[in-house]
Amino acid sequence: AGADPLALFRRWFDQATAAGLAEPNAFALATATPDGAPSVRFVLLKALDDRGFTFFTNYDSRKGQELAANPRAALCFLWQGLERQVRVEGAVE
């Protein structure tokens, strides 16, 4: 896998794209409500760089409000055709 997880992700993402998988940029985004209840929905990856994964949201949406109250999230990409998934957890800005 190598020492750089972002390099591995980029390689796997490129393979998922080249394989023609539907929406390889789609991922499940999990947040939590202020009282700690989990909340998950699918969103699209817009960019990836050394700072991390970029997706767009409306700040007034439920996920925007949850991220403002608790700026941590988990992502999960599933590329079933390649029998791969990638989990990411961390701070959101």
Protein backbone atom coordinates (compact mmCIF):
# COMPACT_ATOMS: atom_id res chain seq x y z
CA ALA A 1 0.00 0.00 0.00
CA GLY A 2 2.92 2.35 0.61
CA ALA A 3 3.44 4.98 3.27
CA ASP A 4 1.24 7.70 1.71
CA PRO A 5 -2.48 6.98 2.08
CA LEU A 6 -3.45 9.83 -0.28
CA ALA A 7 -1.22 8.38 -3.01
CA LEU A 8 -2.93 5.01 -2.57
CA PHE A 9 -6.35 6.66 -2.68
CA ARG A 10 -5.46 8.51 -5.89
CA ARG A 11 -4.28 5.26 -7.49
CA TRP A 12 -7.43 3.40 -6.45
CA PHE A 13 -9.66 6.31 -7.52
CA ASP A 14 -7.99 6.38 -10.94
CA GLN A 15 -8.52 2.61 -11.24
CA ALA A 16 -12.20 2.96 -10.29
CA THR A 17 -12.61 5.69 -12.90
CA ALA A 18 -10.77 3.69 -15.58
CA ALA A 19 -12.93 0.64 -14.78
CA GLY A 20 -16.03 2.65 -15.71
CA LEU A 21 -17.66 2.29 -12.30
CA ALA A 22 -20.71 4.49 -11.85
CA GLU A 23 -19.97 7.63 -9.85
CA PRO A 24 -16.57 6.63 -8.44
CA ASN A 25 -16.51 10.05 -6.75
CA ALA A 26 -19.63 9.29 -4.66
CA PHE A 27 -19.12 8.60 -0.98
CA ALA A 28 -21.14 8.25 2.19
CA LEU A 29 -20.59 11.23 4.50
CA ALA A 30 -21.32 10.62 8.17
CA THR A 31 -21.77 13.47 10.62
CA ALA A 32 -23.37 13.68 14.04
CA THR A 33 -26.16 15.84 15.38
CA PRO A 34 -25.35 18.09 18.37
CA ASP A 35 -26.71 15.39 20.70
CA GLY A 36 -24.52 12.72 19.08
CA ALA A 37 -27.01 10.94 16.83
CA PRO A 38 -25.35 9.71 13.61
CA SER A 39 -26.43 11.12 10.28
CA VAL A 40 -25.27 9.84 6.89
CA ARG A 41 -25.88 10.76 3.25
CA PHE A 42 -24.12 10.42 -0.11
CA VAL A 43 -22.21 13.34 -1.60
CA LEU A 44 -19.69 13.78 -4.42
CA LEU A 45 -15.96 14.32 -4.14
CA LYS A 46 -15.05 17.57 -5.90
CA ALA A 47 -11.29 17.65 -5.31
CA LEU A 48 -8.42 16.02 -3.46
CA ASP A 49 -5.14 17.65 -2.49
CA ASP A 50 -2.62 17.52 0.34
CA ARG A 51 -5.16 19.22 2.64
CA GLY A 52 -7.67 16.41 2.11
CA PHE A 53 -11.00 15.70 0.46
CA THR A 54 -13.25 18.49 -0.83
CA PHE A 55 -17.03 18.32 -1.17
CA PHE A 56 -19.65 21.05 -1.39
CA THR A 57 -22.61 21.67 0.85
CA ASN A 58 -25.07 24.40 1.66
CA TYR A 59 -24.11 25.87 5.04
CA ASP A 60 -27.82 26.04 5.93
CA SER A 61 -28.41 22.36 5.13
CA ARG A 62 -28.68 19.76 7.86
CA LYS A 63 -25.15 18.48 7.13
CA GLY A 64 -23.80 22.03 7.07
CA GLN A 65 -25.34 22.75 10.46
CA GLU A 66 -24.08 19.45 11.89
CA LEU A 67 -20.55 20.15 10.64
CA ALA A 68 -20.65 23.67 12.11
CA ALA A 69 -21.67 22.26 15.50
CA ASN A 70 -19.25 19.30 15.37
CA PRO A 71 -16.55 19.73 12.71
CA ARG A 72 -15.67 16.04 12.41
CA ALA A 73 -16.84 13.57 9.80
CA ALA A 74 -16.30 10.13 8.36
CA LEU A 75 -16.31 9.26 4.65
CA CYS A 76 -16.66 5.89 2.98
CA PHE A 77 -16.08 5.26 -0.72
CA LEU A 78 -17.32 1.90 -2.04
CA TRP A 79 -16.02 0.57 -5.33
CA GLN A 80 -17.83 -2.73 -5.33
CA GLY A 81 -16.70 -3.70 -8.83
CA LEU A 82 -13.10 -3.59 -7.61
CA GLU A 83 -13.93 -5.11 -4.20
CA ARG A 84 -12.51 -2.04 -2.47
CA GLN A 85 -13.63 0.54 0.00
CA VAL A 86 -11.85 3.46 1.59
CA ARG A 87 -12.71 4.91 4.99
CA VAL A 88 -11.59 8.39 6.06
CA GLU A 89 -12.14 10.06 9.44
CA GLY A 90 -11.11 13.47 10.65
CA ALA A 91 -11.62 17.16 11.13
CA VAL A 92 -13.63 19.26 8.66
CA GLU A 93 -12.97 22.89 7.79
